[in-house]
PDB file of N, CA and C in Angstrom:
ATOM      1  N   MET A   1      52.629 153.138 -90.033  1.00  0.00           N
ATOM      2  CA  MET A   1      53.818 153.263 -89.205  1.00  0.00           C
ATOM      3  C   MET A   1      54.846 152.248 -89.693  1.00  0.00           C
ATOM      4  N   THR A   2      56.050 152.708 -89.907  1.00  0.00           N
ATOM      5  CA  THR A   2      57.098 151.821 -90.384  1.00  0.00           C
ATOM      6  C   THR A   2      57.658 151.013 -89.226  1.00  0.00           C
ATOM      7  N   THR A   3      58.462 150.039 -89.571  1.00  0.00           N
ATOM      8  CA  THR A   3      59.075 149.178 -88.557  1.00  0.00           C
ATOM      9  C   THR A   3      59.997 149.981 -87.646  1.00  0.00           C
ATOM     10  N   ASP A   4      60.768 150.912 -88.230  1.00  0.00           N
ATOM     11  CA  ASP A   4      61.673 151.742 -87.424  1.00  0.00           C
ATOM     12  C   ASP A   4      60.903 152.615 -86.439  1.00  0.00           C
ATOM     13  N   GLU A   5      59.787 153.198 -86.894  1.00  0.00           N
ATOM     14  CA  GLU A   5      58.979 154.047 -86.012  1.00  0.00           C
ATOM     15  C   GLU A   5      58.379 153.239 -84.871  1.00  0.00           C
ATOM     16  N   SER A   6      57.941 152.021 -85.167  1.00  0.00           N
ATOM     17  CA  SER A   6      57.352 151.190 -84.107  1.00  0.00           C
ATOM     18  C   SER A   6      58.420 150.762 -83.099  1.00  0.00           C
ATOM     19  N   ARG A   7      59.636 150.519 -83.564  1.00  0.00           N
ATOM     20  CA  ARG A   7      60.726 150.173 -82.642  1.00  0.00           C
ATOM     21  C   ARG A   7      61.054 151.341 -81.718  1.00  0.00           C
ATOM     22  N   VAL A   8      61.095 152.548 -82.296  1.00  0.00           N
ATOM     23  CA  VAL A   8      61.381 153.737 -81.494  1.00  0.00           C
ATOM     24  C   VAL A   8      60.278 153.944 -80.459  1.00  0.00           C
ATOM     25  N   SER A   9      59.024 153.789 -80.872  1.00  0.00           N
ATOM     26  CA  SER A   9      57.905 153.948 -79.939  1.00  0.00           C
ATOM     27  C   SER A   9      57.962 152.913 -78.833  1.00  0.00           C
ATOM     28  N   LEU A  10      58.246 151.672 -79.183  1.00  0.00           N
ATOM     29  CA  LEU A  10      58.343 150.606 -78.190  1.00  0.00           C
ATOM     30  C   LEU A  10      59.506 150.872 -77.240  1.00  0.00           C
ATOM     31  N   ARG A  11      60.631 151.344 -77.775  1.00  0.00           N
ATOM     32  CA  ARG A  11      61.796 151.657 -76.942  1.00  0.00           C
ATOM     33  C   ARG A  11      61.454 152.760 -75.935  1.00  0.00           C
ATOM     34  N   ARG A  12      60.742 153.792 -76.386  1.00  0.00           N
ATOM     35  CA  ARG A  12      60.347 154.884 -75.475  1.00  0.00           C
ATOM     36  C   ARG A  12      59.427 154.378 -74.369  1.00  0.00           C
ATOM     37  N   ILE A  13      58.495 153.525 -74.721  1.00  0.00           N
ATOM     38  CA  ILE A  13      57.575 152.973 -73.720  1.00  0.00           C
ATOM     39  C   ILE A  13      58.340 152.145 -72.705  1.00  0.00           C
ATOM     40  N   LEU A  14      59.258 151.303 -73.170  1.00  0.00           N
ATOM     41  CA  LEU A  14      60.046 150.479 -72.250  1.00  0.00           C
ATOM     42  C   LEU A  14      60.938 151.341 -71.361  1.00  0.00           C
ATOM     43  N   GLN A  15      61.537 152.389 -71.918  1.00  0.00           N
ATOM     44  CA  GLN A  15      62.369 153.287 -71.105  1.00  0.00           C
ATOM     45  C   GLN A  15      61.535 153.964 -70.034  1.00  0.00           C
ATOM     46  N   ARG A  16      60.317 154.324 -70.378  1.00  0.00           N
ATOM     47  CA  ARG A  16      59.435 154.991 -69.420  1.00  0.00           C
ATOM     48  C   ARG A  16      59.113 154.057 -68.249  1.00  0.00           C
ATOM     49  N   PHE A  17      58.906 152.774 -68.531  1.00  0.00           N
ATOM     50  CA  PHE A  17      58.579 151.808 -67.476  1.00  0.00           C
ATOM     51  C   PHE A  17      59.783 151.430 -66.630  1.00  0.00           C
ATOM     52  N   THR A  18      60.966 151.415 -67.237  1.00  0.00           N
ATOM     53  CA  THR A  18      62.153 150.967 -66.505  1.00  0.00           C
ATOM     54  C   THR A  18      62.956 152.107 -65.891  1.00  0.00           C
ATOM     55  N   ALA A  19      62.634 153.346 -66.242  1.00  0.00           N
ATOM     56  CA  ALA A  19      63.388 154.493 -65.719  1.00  0.00           C
ATOM     57  C   ALA A  19      63.038 154.743 -64.254  1.00  0.00           C
ATOM     58  N   SER A  20      64.024 155.209 -63.517  1.00  0.00           N
ATOM     59  CA  SER A  20      63.777 155.556 -62.115  1.00  0.00           C
ATOM     60  C   SER A  20      63.019 156.882 -62.060  1.00  0.00           C
ATOM     61  N   GLU A  21      62.497 157.181 -60.902  1.00  0.00           N
ATOM     62  CA  GLU A  21      61.760 158.435 -60.725  1.00  0.00           C
ATOM     63  C   GLU A  21      62.668 159.642 -60.964  1.00  0.00           C
ATOM     64  N   ALA A  22      63.925 159.537 -60.540  1.00  0.00           N
ATOM     65  CA  ALA A  22      64.879 160.631 -60.740  1.00  0.00           C
ATOM     66  C   ALA A  22      65.151 160.857 -62.231  1.00  0.00           C
ATOM     67  N   GLU A  23      65.258 159.778 -63.004  1.00  0.00           N
ATOM     68  CA  GLU A  23      65.497 159.909 -64.445  1.00  0.00           C
ATOM     69  C   GLU A  23      64.302 160.550 -65.143  1.00  0.00           C
ATOM     70  N   ILE A  24      63.105 160.157 -64.745  1.00  0.00           N
ATOM     71  CA  ILE A  24      61.898 160.739 -65.335  1.00  0.00           C
ATOM     72  C   ILE A  24      61.804 162.217 -64.984  1.00  0.00           C
ATOM     73  N   ASP A  25      62.120 162.555 -63.739  1.00  0.00           N
ATOM     74  CA  ASP A  25      62.105 163.947 -63.296  1.00  0.00           C
ATOM     75  C   ASP A  25      63.129 164.775 -64.075  1.00  0.00           C
ATOM     76  N   ALA A  26      64.321 164.221 -64.283  1.00  0.00           N
ATOM     77  CA  ALA A  26      65.364 164.925 -65.039  1.00  0.00           C
ATOM     78  C   ALA A  26      64.923 165.156 -66.485  1.00  0.00           C
ATOM     79  N   GLN A  27      64.274 164.163 -67.095  1.00  0.00           N
ATOM     80  CA  GLN A  27      63.782 164.323 -68.465  1.00  0.00           C
ATOM     81  C   GLN A  27      62.744 165.437 -68.535  1.00  0.00           C
ATOM     82  N   GLU A  28      61.856 165.467 -67.551  1.00  0.00           N
ATOM     83  CA  GLU A  28      60.818 166.497 -67.503  1.00  0.00           C
ATOM     84  C   GLU A  28      61.437 167.890 -67.335  1.00  0.00           C
ATOM     85  N   LEU A  29      62.432 168.006 -66.466  1.00  0.00           N
ATOM     86  CA  LEU A  29      63.104 169.294 -66.271  1.00  0.00           C
ATOM     87  C   LEU A  29      63.831 169.743 -67.537  1.00  0.00           C
ATOM     88  N   ARG A  30      64.475 168.809 -68.239  1.00  0.00           N
ATOM     89  CA  ARG A  30      65.157 169.153 -69.498  1.00  0.00           C
ATOM     90  C   ARG A  30      64.153 169.687 -70.519  1.00  0.00           C
ATOM     91  N   ARG A  31      63.000 169.041 -70.595  1.00  0.00           N
ATOM     92  CA  ARG A  31      61.967 169.457 -71.543  1.00  0.00           C
ATOM     93  C   ARG A  31      61.443 170.855 -71.195  1.00  0.00           C
ATOM     94  N   GLU A  32      61.160 171.090 -69.909  1.00  0.00           N
ATOM     95  CA  GLU A  32      60.666 172.397 -69.470  1.00  0.00           C
ATOM     96  C   GLU A  32      61.706 173.492 -69.704  1.00  0.00           C
ATOM     97  N   SER A  33      62.968 173.182 -69.446  1.00  0.00           N
ATOM     98  CA  SER A  33      64.043 174.152 -69.653  1.00  0.00           C
ATOM     99  C   SER A  33      64.144 174.542 -71.124  1.00  0.00           C
ATOM    100  N   ALA A  34      64.033 173.564 -72.001  1.00  0.00           N
ATOM    101  CA  ALA A  34      64.098 173.838 -73.438  1.00  0.00           C
ATOM    102  C   ALA A  34      62.915 174.703 -73.875  1.00  0.00           C
ATOM    103  N   GLN A  35      61.731 174.456 -73.306  1.00  0.00           N
ATOM    104  CA  GLN A  35      60.552 175.260 -73.646  1.00  0.00           C
ATOM    105  C   GLN A  35      60.720 176.711 -73.210  1.00  0.00           C
ATOM    106  N   CYS A  36      61.437 176.935 -72.109  1.00  0.00           N
ATOM    107  CA  CYS A  36      61.678 178.304 -71.608  1.00  0.00           C
ATOM    108  C   CYS A  36      62.794 178.997 -72.382  1.00  0.00           C
ATOM    109  N   GLY A  37      63.456 178.274 -73.267  1.00  0.00           N
ATOM    110  CA  GLY A  37      64.552 178.859 -74.034  1.00  0.00           C
ATOM    111  C   GLY A  37      65.876 178.846 -73.303  1.00  0.00           C
ATOM    112  N   GLY A  38      65.962 178.056 -72.239  1.00  0.00           N
ATOM    113  CA  GLY A  38      67.195 177.983 -71.461  1.00  0.00           C
ATOM    114  C   GLY A  38      68.254 177.123 -72.125  1.00  0.00           C
ATOM    115  N   ILE A  39      69.508 177.463 -71.871  1.00  0.00           N
ATOM    116  CA  ILE A  39      70.636 176.658 -72.324  1.00  0.00           C
ATOM    117  C   ILE A  39      70.828 175.546 -71.302  1.00  0.00           C
ATOM    118  N   PRO A  40      71.032 174.299 -71.730  1.00  0.00           N
ATOM    119  CA  PRO A  40      71.299 173.245 -70.742  1.00  0.00           C
ATOM    120  C   PRO A  40      72.522 173.601 -69.893  1.00  0.00           C
ATOM    121  N   ALA A  41      72.396 173.442 -68.587  1.00  0.00           N
ATOM    122  CA  ALA A  41      73.486 173.794 -67.659  1.00  0.00           C
ATOM    123  C   ALA A  41      74.762 173.031 -67.988  1.00  0.00           C
ATOM    124  N   GLN A  42      74.610 171.841 -68.510  1.00  0.00           N
ATOM    125  CA  GLN A  42      75.754 171.009 -68.872  1.00  0.00           C
ATOM    126  C   GLN A  42      76.602 171.676 -69.957  1.00  0.00           C
ATOM    127  N   GLN A  43      75.989 172.495 -70.805  1.00  0.00           N
ATOM    128  CA  GLN A  43      76.695 173.147 -71.912  1.00  0.00           C
ATOM    129  C   GLN A  43      77.251 174.521 -71.547  1.00  0.00           C
ATOM    130  N   CYS A  44      76.936 175.019 -70.366  1.00  0.00           N
ATOM    131  CA  CYS A  44      77.418 176.339 -69.943  1.00  0.00           C
ATOM    132  C   CYS A  44      78.908 176.283 -69.637  1.00  0.00           C
ATOM    133  N   SER A  45      79.627 177.324 -70.036  1.00  0.00           N
ATOM    134  CA  SER A  45      81.058 177.371 -69.757  1.00  0.00           C
ATOM    135  C   SER A  45      81.438 178.734 -69.184  1.00  0.00           C
ATOM    136  N   ARG A  46      82.587 178.793 -68.561  1.00  0.00           N
ATOM    137  CA  ARG A  46      83.074 180.007 -67.890  1.00  0.00           C
ATOM    138  C   ARG A  46      83.073 181.201 -68.851  1.00  0.00           C
ATOM    139  N   GLY A  47      82.542 182.329 -68.362  1.00  0.00           N
ATOM    140  CA  GLY A  47      82.526 183.559 -69.134  1.00  0.00           C
ATOM    141  C   GLY A  47      81.349 183.717 -70.072  1.00  0.00           C
ATOM    142  N   GLN A  48      80.562 182.669 -70.239  1.00  0.00           N
ATOM    143  CA  GLN A  48      79.444 182.689 -71.169  1.00  0.00           C
ATOM    144  C   GLN A  48      78.233 183.374 -70.528  1.00  0.00           C
ATOM    145  N   LEU A  49      77.544 184.225 -71.277  1.00  0.00           N
ATOM    146  CA  LEU A  49      76.310 184.859 -70.830  1.00  0.00           C
ATOM    147  C   LEU A  49      75.172 183.905 -71.169  1.00  0.00           C
ATOM    148  N   VAL A  50      74.453 183.425 -70.146  1.00  0.00           N
ATOM    149  CA  VAL A  50      73.477 182.358 -70.359  1.00  0.00           C
ATOM    150  C   VAL A  50      72.132 182.683 -69.725  1.00  0.00           C
ATOM    151  N   SER A  51      71.148 181.927 -70.173  1.00  0.00           N
ATOM    152  CA  SER A  51      69.834 181.888 -69.547  1.00  0.00           C
ATOM    153  C   SER A  51      69.579 180.422 -69.231  1.00  0.00           C
ATOM    154  N   VAL A  52      69.404 180.101 -67.950  1.00  0.00           N
ATOM    155  CA  VAL A  52      69.152 178.723 -67.531  1.00  0.00           C
ATOM    156  C   VAL A  52      67.822 178.671 -66.791  1.00  0.00           C
ATOM    157  N   ALA A  53      67.096 177.578 -66.989  1.00  0.00           N
ATOM    158  CA  ALA A  53      65.802 177.409 -66.331  1.00  0.00           C
ATOM    159  C   ALA A  53      65.780 176.052 -65.651  1.00  0.00           C
ATOM    160  N   GLY A  54      65.153 175.993 -64.494  1.00  0.00           N
ATOM    161  CA  GLY A  54      65.065 174.725 -63.782  1.00  0.00           C
ATOM    162  C   GLY A  54      64.411 174.891 -62.426  1.00  0.00           C
ATOM    163  N   ARG A  55      64.698 173.937 -61.540  1.00  0.00           N
ATOM    164  CA  ARG A  55      64.117 173.912 -60.201  1.00  0.00           C
ATOM    165  C   ARG A  55      65.203 174.113 -59.158  1.00  0.00           C
ATOM    166  N   LEU A  56      64.905 174.909 -58.146  1.00  0.00           N
ATOM    167  CA  LEU A  56      65.854 175.121 -57.053  1.00  0.00           C
ATOM    168  C   LEU A  56      65.866 173.886 -56.158  1.00  0.00           C
ATOM    169  N   ARG A  57      67.042 173.318 -55.980  1.00  0.00           N
ATOM    170  CA  ARG A  57      67.187 172.146 -55.105  1.00  0.00           C
ATOM    171  C   ARG A  57      67.423 172.557 -53.664  1.00  0.00           C
ATOM    172  N   THR A  58      68.368 173.455 -53.466  1.00  0.00           N
ATOM    173  CA  THR A  58      68.691 173.908 -52.112  1.00  0.00           C
ATOM    174  C   THR A  58      68.842 175.419 -52.106  1.00  0.00           C
ATOM    175  N   VAL A  59      68.530 176.009 -50.967  1.00  0.00           N
ATOM    176  CA  VAL A  59      68.739 177.440 -50.757  1.00  0.00           C
ATOM    177  C   VAL A  59      69.419 177.582 -49.405  1.00  0.00           C
ATOM    178  N   VAL A  60      70.588 178.243 -49.387  1.00  0.00           N
ATOM    179  CA  VAL A  60      71.384 178.350 -48.167  1.00  0.00           C
ATOM    180  C   VAL A  60      71.795 179.800 -47.947  1.00  0.00           C
ATOM    181  N   TYR A  61      71.565 180.287 -46.738  1.00  0.00           N
ATOM    182  CA  TYR A  61      72.048 181.608 -46.341  1.00  0.00           C
ATOM    183  C   TYR A  61      73.362 181.404 -45.615  1.00  0.00           C
ATOM    184  N   THR A  62      74.402 182.100 -46.067  1.00  0.00           N
ATOM    185  CA  THR A  62      75.716 181.993 -45.441  1.00  0.00           C
ATOM    186  C   THR A  62      76.043 183.315 -44.758  1.00  0.00           C
ATOM    187  N   PRO A  63      75.915 183.359 -43.426  1.00  0.00           N
ATOM    188  CA  PRO A  63      76.236 184.612 -42.739  1.00  0.00           C
ATOM    189  C   PRO A  63      77.745 184.803 -42.647  1.00  0.00           C
ATOM    190  N   ARG A  64      78.209 185.843 -43.233  1.00  0.00           N
ATOM    191  CA  ARG A  64      79.626 186.196 -43.136  1.00  0.00           C
ATOM    192  C   ARG A  64      79.692 187.576 -42.514  1.00  0.00           C
ATOM    193  N   THR A  65      80.760 187.838 -41.796  1.00  0.00           N
ATOM    194  CA  THR A  65      80.864 189.125 -41.105  1.00  0.00           C
ATOM    195  C   THR A  65      80.920 190.295 -42.069  1.00  0.00           C
ATOM    196  N   ASN A  66      81.604 190.125 -43.181  1.00  0.00           N
ATOM    197  CA  ASN A  66      81.749 191.253 -44.100  1.00  0.00           C
ATOM    198  C   ASN A  66      80.726 191.255 -45.236  1.00  0.00           C
ATOM    199  N   LEU A  67      80.257 190.083 -45.684  1.00  0.00           N
ATOM    200  CA  LEU A  67      79.326 190.036 -46.809  1.00  0.00           C
ATOM    201  C   LEU A  67      78.451 188.783 -46.738  1.00  0.00           C
ATOM    202  N   PRO A  68      77.206 188.903 -46.289  1.00  0.00           N
ATOM    203  CA  PRO A  68      76.325 187.734 -46.280  1.00  0.00           C
ATOM    204  C   PRO A  68      75.974 187.336 -47.718  1.00  0.00           C
ATOM    205  N   THR A  69      75.705 186.057 -47.933  1.00  0.00           N
ATOM    206  CA  THR A  69      75.318 185.585 -49.265  1.00  0.00           C
ATOM    207  C   THR A  69      74.141 184.629 -49.165  1.00  0.00           C
ATOM    208  N   LEU A  70      73.341 184.633 -50.207  1.00  0.00           N
ATOM    209  CA  LEU A  70      72.253 183.675 -50.362  1.00  0.00           C
ATOM    210  C   LEU A  70      72.609 182.843 -51.582  1.00  0.00           C
ATOM    211  N   GLU A  71      72.696 181.516 -51.411  1.00  0.00           N
ATOM    212  CA  GLU A  71      73.077 180.623 -52.503  1.00  0.00           C
ATOM    213  C   GLU A  71      71.960 179.626 -52.760  1.00  0.00           C
ATOM    214  N   ALA A  72      71.684 179.383 -54.039  1.00  0.00           N
ATOM    215  CA  ALA A  72      70.651 178.430 -54.431  1.00  0.00           C
ATOM    216  C   ALA A  72      71.176 177.569 -55.571  1.00  0.00           C
ATOM    217  N   ASP A  73      70.972 176.258 -55.471  1.00  0.00           N
ATOM    218  CA  ASP A  73      71.381 175.335 -56.532  1.00  0.00           C
ATOM    219  C   ASP A  73      70.213 175.126 -57.486  1.00  0.00           C
ATOM    220  N   LEU A  74      70.409 175.519 -58.750  1.00  0.00           N
ATOM    221  CA  LEU A  74      69.399 175.384 -59.796  1.00  0.00           C
ATOM    222  C   LEU A  74      69.729 174.153 -60.632  1.00  0.00           C
ATOM    223  N   TYR A  75      68.792 173.200 -60.705  1.00  0.00           N
ATOM    224  CA  TYR A  75      68.986 171.963 -61.465  1.00  0.00           C
ATOM    225  C   TYR A  75      68.031 171.962 -62.648  1.00  0.00           C
ATOM    226  N   ASP A  76      68.572 171.711 -63.842  1.00  0.00           N
ATOM    227  CA  ASP A  76      67.741 171.718 -65.044  1.00  0.00           C
ATOM    228  C   ASP A  76      67.615 170.347 -65.695  1.00  0.00           C
ATOM    229  N   GLY A  77      68.044 169.305 -65.011  1.00  0.00           N
ATOM    230  CA  GLY A  77      67.967 167.957 -65.569  1.00  0.00           C
ATOM    231  C   GLY A  77      69.265 167.498 -66.192  1.00  0.00           C
ATOM    232  N   THR A  78      70.212 168.436 -66.409  1.00  0.00           N
ATOM    233  CA  THR A  78      71.509 168.051 -66.975  1.00  0.00           C
ATOM    234  C   THR A  78      72.641 168.290 -65.993  1.00  0.00           C
ATOM    235  N   ASP A  79      72.583 169.395 -65.252  1.00  0.00           N
ATOM    236  CA  ASP A  79      73.652 169.773 -64.330  1.00  0.00           C
ATOM    237  C   ASP A  79      73.117 170.829 -63.371  1.00  0.00           C
ATOM    238  N   VAL A  80      73.933 171.206 -62.417  1.00  0.00           N
ATOM    239  CA  VAL A  80      73.555 172.211 -61.420  1.00  0.00           C
ATOM    240  C   VAL A  80      74.350 173.493 -61.655  1.00  0.00           C
ATOM    241  N   VAL A  81      73.669 174.627 -61.551  1.00  0.00           N
ATOM    242  CA  VAL A  81      74.315 175.939 -61.558  1.00  0.00           C
ATOM    243  C   VAL A  81      73.967 176.586 -60.222  1.00  0.00           C
ATOM    244  N   THR A  82      74.975 177.060 -59.508  1.00  0.00           N
ATOM    245  CA  THR A  82      74.740 177.722 -58.228  1.00  0.00           C
ATOM    246  C   THR A  82      74.523 179.210 -58.468  1.00  0.00           C
ATOM    247  N   LEU A  83      73.390 179.708 -57.979  1.00  0.00           N
ATOM    248  CA  LEU A  83      73.069 181.127 -58.080  1.00  0.00           C
ATOM    249  C   LEU A  83      73.455 181.774 -56.761  1.00  0.00           C
ATOM    250  N   VAL A  84      74.226 182.862 -56.805  1.00  0.00           N
ATOM    251  CA  VAL A  84      74.713 183.514 -55.587  1.00  0.00           C
ATOM    252  C   VAL A  84      74.302 184.981 -55.607  1.00  0.00           C
ATOM    253  N   TRP A  85      73.565 185.379 -54.570  1.00  0.00           N
ATOM    254  CA  TRP A  85      73.215 186.783 -54.395  1.00  0.00           C
ATOM    255  C   TRP A  85      74.060 187.323 -53.257  1.00  0.00           C
ATOM    256  N   LEU A  86      74.940 188.258 -53.567  1.00  0.00           N
ATOM    257  CA  LEU A  86      75.831 188.846 -52.564  1.00  0.00           C
ATOM    258  C   LEU A  86      75.089 189.929 -51.783  1.00  0.00           C
ATOM    259  N   GLY A  87      75.291 189.937 -50.462  1.00  0.00           N
ATOM    260  CA  GLY A  87      74.680 190.951 -49.620  1.00  0.00           C
ATOM    261  C   GLY A  87      73.214 190.726 -49.316  1.00  0.00           C
ATOM    262  N   ARG A  88      72.683 189.552 -49.654  1.00  0.00           N
ATOM    263  CA  ARG A  88      71.262 189.263 -49.423  1.00  0.00           C
ATOM    264  C   ARG A  88      71.115 188.171 -48.377  1.00  0.00           C
ATOM    265  N   ARG A  89      70.145 188.350 -47.503  1.00  0.00           N
ATOM    266  CA  ARG A  89      69.848 187.337 -46.487  1.00  0.00           C
ATOM    267  C   ARG A  89      68.634 186.508 -46.874  1.00  0.00           C
ATOM    268  N   HIS A  90      67.724 187.135 -47.606  1.00  0.00           N
ATOM    269  CA  HIS A  90      66.488 186.467 -48.006  1.00  0.00           C
ATOM    270  C   HIS A  90      65.944 187.163 -49.247  1.00  0.00           C
ATOM    271  N   ILE A  91      65.364 186.380 -50.148  1.00  0.00           N
ATOM    272  CA  ILE A  91      64.668 186.925 -51.310  1.00  0.00           C
ATOM    273  C   ILE A  91      63.330 186.207 -51.379  1.00  0.00           C
ATOM    274  N   ALA A  92      62.250 186.959 -51.376  1.00  0.00           N
ATOM    275  CA  ALA A  92      60.917 186.365 -51.436  1.00  0.00           C
ATOM    276  C   ALA A  92      60.783 185.499 -52.686  1.00  0.00           C
ATOM    277  N   GLY A  93      60.281 184.288 -52.511  1.00  0.00           N
ATOM    278  CA  GLY A  93      60.073 183.373 -53.632  1.00  0.00           C
ATOM    279  C   GLY A  93      61.242 182.459 -53.924  1.00  0.00           C
ATOM    280  N   ILE A  94      62.417 182.769 -53.402  1.00  0.00           N
ATOM    281  CA  ILE A  94      63.582 181.904 -53.613  1.00  0.00           C
ATOM    282  C   ILE A  94      63.564 180.853 -52.512  1.00  0.00           C
ATOM    283  N   GLU A  95      63.054 179.677 -52.865  1.00  0.00           N
ATOM    284  CA  GLU A  95      62.911 178.583 -51.908  1.00  0.00           C
ATOM    285  C   GLU A  95      63.035 177.250 -52.637  1.00  0.00           C
ATOM    286  N   PRO A  96      63.437 176.195 -51.940  1.00  0.00           N
ATOM    287  CA  PRO A  96      63.599 174.887 -52.587  1.00  0.00           C
ATOM    288  C   PRO A  96      62.300 174.437 -53.258  1.00  0.00           C
ATOM    289  N   GLY A  97      62.452 173.854 -54.453  1.00  0.00           N
ATOM    290  CA  GLY A  97      61.309 173.357 -55.200  1.00  0.00           C
ATOM    291  C   GLY A  97      60.715 174.365 -56.163  1.00  0.00           C
ATOM    292  N   ARG A  98      61.130 175.605 -56.084  1.00  0.00           N
ATOM    293  CA  ARG A  98      60.582 176.656 -56.943  1.00  0.00           C
ATOM    294  C   ARG A  98      61.242 176.622 -58.320  1.00  0.00           C
ATOM    295  N   HIS A  99      60.457 176.799 -59.359  1.00  0.00           N
ATOM    296  CA  HIS A  99      60.969 176.853 -60.731  1.00  0.00           C
ATOM    297  C   HIS A  99      61.272 178.300 -61.083  1.00  0.00           C
ATOM    298  N   LEU A 100      62.424 178.506 -61.735  1.00  0.00           N
ATOM    299  CA  LEU A 100      62.766 179.860 -62.168  1.00  0.00           C
ATOM    300  C   LEU A 100      63.689 179.828 -63.365  1.00  0.00           C
ATOM    301  N   THR A 101      63.803 180.988 -64.007  1.00  0.00           N
ATOM    302  CA  THR A 101      64.740 181.198 -65.108  1.00  0.00           C
ATOM    303  C   THR A 101      65.720 182.266 -64.648  1.00  0.00           C
ATOM    304  N   ALA A 102      67.005 181.988 -64.771  1.00  0.00           N
ATOM    305  CA  ALA A 102      68.046 182.926 -64.330  1.00  0.00           C
ATOM    306  C   ALA A 102      68.956 183.267 -65.503  1.00  0.00           C
ATOM    307  N   ARG A 103      69.398 184.533 -65.530  1.00  0.00           N
ATOM    308  CA  ARG A 103      70.301 184.990 -66.580  1.00  0.00           C
ATOM    309  C   ARG A 103      71.504 185.671 -65.955  1.00  0.00           C
ATOM    310  N   GLY A 104      72.672 185.403 -66.535  1.00  0.00           N
ATOM    311  CA  GLY A 104      73.887 186.038 -66.053  1.00  0.00           C
ATOM    312  C   GLY A 104      75.114 185.400 -66.669  1.00  0.00           C
ATOM    313  N   ARG A 105      76.284 185.835 -66.213  1.00  0.00           N
ATOM    314  CA  ARG A 105      77.554 185.324 -66.723  1.00  0.00           C
ATOM    315  C   ARG A 105      78.049 184.208 -65.819  1.00  0.00           C
ATOM    316  N   VAL A 106      78.446 183.104 -66.428  1.00  0.00           N
ATOM    317  CA  VAL A 106      78.898 181.925 -65.684  1.00  0.00           C
ATOM    318  C   VAL A 106      80.340 182.111 -65.218  1.00  0.00           C
ATOM    319  N   ALA A 107      80.555 181.820 -63.954  1.00  0.00           N
ATOM    320  CA  ALA A 107      81.903 181.778 -63.374  1.00  0.00           C
ATOM    321  C   ALA A 107      82.100 180.361 -62.841  1.00  0.00           C
ATOM    322  N   VAL A 108      83.327 180.021 -62.508  1.00  0.00           N
ATOM    323  CA  VAL A 108      83.607 178.706 -61.923  1.00  0.00           C
ATOM    324  C   VAL A 108      84.273 178.926 -60.578  1.00  0.00           C
ATOM    325  N   ARG A 109      83.687 178.334 -59.536  1.00  0.00           N
ATOM    326  CA  ARG A 109      84.231 178.427 -58.181  1.00  0.00           C
ATOM    327  C   ARG A 109      84.250 177.024 -57.591  1.00  0.00           C
ATOM    328  N   ASP A 110      85.412 176.564 -57.174  1.00  0.00           N
ATOM    329  CA  ASP A 110      85.561 175.213 -56.612  1.00  0.00           C
ATOM    330  C   ASP A 110      84.998 174.153 -57.556  1.00  0.00           C
ATOM    331  N   ASP A 111      85.292 174.284 -58.843  1.00  0.00           N
ATOM    332  CA  ASP A 111      84.832 173.359 -59.888  1.00  0.00           C
ATOM    333  C   ASP A 111      83.312 173.295 -60.012  1.00  0.00           C
ATOM    334  N   ARG A 112      82.619 174.354 -59.592  1.00  0.00           N
ATOM    335  CA  ARG A 112      81.164 174.431 -59.737  1.00  0.00           C
ATOM    336  C   ARG A 112      80.819 175.635 -60.601  1.00  0.00           C
ATOM    337  N   LYS A 113      79.776 175.500 -61.398  1.00  0.00           N
ATOM    338  CA  LYS A 113      79.301 176.618 -62.215  1.00  0.00           C
ATOM    339  C   LYS A 113      78.491 177.545 -61.318  1.00  0.00           C
ATOM    340  N   VAL A 114      78.806 178.847 -61.387  1.00  0.00           N
ATOM    341  CA  VAL A 114      78.183 179.833 -60.510  1.00  0.00           C
ATOM    342  C   VAL A 114      77.773 181.050 -61.331  1.00  0.00           C
ATOM    343  N   ILE A 115      76.614 181.618 -61.002  1.00  0.00           N
ATOM    344  CA  ILE A 115      76.208 182.905 -61.559  1.00  0.00           C
ATOM    345  C   ILE A 115      76.003 183.834 -60.367  1.00  0.00           C
ATOM    346  N   TYR A 116      76.756 184.934 -60.333  1.00  0.00           N
ATOM    347  CA  TYR A 116      76.645 185.902 -59.243  1.00  0.00           C
ATOM    348  C   TYR A 116      75.583 186.948 -59.569  1.00  0.00           C
ATOM    349  N   ASN A 117      74.752 187.246 -58.577  1.00  0.00           N
ATOM    350  CA  ASN A 117      73.684 188.252 -58.687  1.00  0.00           C
ATOM    351  C   ASN A 117      72.924 188.142 -60.011  1.00  0.00           C
ATOM    352  N   PRO A 118      72.332 186.963 -60.280  1.00  0.00           N
ATOM    353  CA  PRO A 118      71.649 186.773 -61.560  1.00  0.00           C
ATOM    354  C   PRO A 118      70.342 187.556 -61.635  1.00  0.00           C
ATOM    355  N   TYR A 119      69.969 187.918 -62.851  1.00  0.00           N
ATOM    356  CA  TYR A 119      68.606 188.377 -63.107  1.00  0.00           C
ATOM    357  C   TYR A 119      67.769 187.112 -63.091  1.00  0.00           C
ATOM    358  N   TYR A 120      66.573 187.166 -62.545  1.00  0.00           N
ATOM    359  CA  TYR A 120      65.771 185.946 -62.475  1.00  0.00           C
ATOM    360  C   TYR A 120      64.293 186.258 -62.613  1.00  0.00           C
ATOM    361  N   GLU A 121      63.555 185.258 -63.076  1.00  0.00           N
ATOM    362  CA  GLU A 121      62.100 185.323 -63.173  1.00  0.00           C
ATOM    363  C   GLU A 121      61.556 184.073 -62.514  1.00  0.00           C
ATOM    364  N   LEU A 122      60.682 184.258 -61.544  1.00  0.00           N
ATOM    365  CA  LEU A 122      60.043 183.117 -60.902  1.00  0.00           C
ATOM    366  C   LEU A 122      58.943 182.612 -61.815  1.00  0.00           C
ATOM    367  N   ASP A 123      58.905 181.302 -62.036  1.00  0.00           N
ATOM    368  CA  ASP A 123      57.840 180.704 -62.827  1.00  0.00           C
ATOM    369  C   ASP A 123      56.661 180.428 -61.910  1.00  0.00           C
ATOM    370  N   SER A 124      55.480 180.366 -62.482  1.00  0.00           N
ATOM    371  CA  SER A 124      54.297 180.114 -61.664  1.00  0.00           C
ATOM    372  C   SER A 124      54.390 178.727 -61.035  1.00  0.00           C
ATOM    373  N   PRO A 125      53.942 178.586 -59.776  1.00  0.00           N
ATOM    374  CA  PRO A 125      54.007 177.278 -59.105  1.00  0.00           C
ATOM    375  C   PRO A 125      53.204 176.242 -59.870  1.00  0.00           C
ATOM    376  N   LYS A 126      53.716 174.997 -59.875  1.00  0.00           N
ATOM    377  CA  LYS A 126      53.042 173.922 -60.621  1.00  0.00           C
ATOM    378  C   LYS A 126      52.358 172.981 -59.681  1.00  0.00           C
TER     379      LYS A 126
END
């Protein structure tokens, strides 16, 4: 092992010990997202057709008189993409903490990245 390799290894070990739980969780989510072939949410831009993978942070049903919506925030360790299903009150398996991969076209609403009526695959519970 060269001196540079040992420095890199030591740096990784020290980062692991000094990192907060949230930072470690974000690193793990980034790694899992990359393994699923997802594009980092941070790199997604308006109009782009993407596949993003991560964990659902929140799931909210918004009752509206004309069109109910189900919204879920998907976090992949880099950024959040809000998934919106129009006309849905509940979808089995869509719950906080669940891992999934979603595909669709990115829109921007209130400075947030949004995918409307995404195709999705639920990942097996961990």
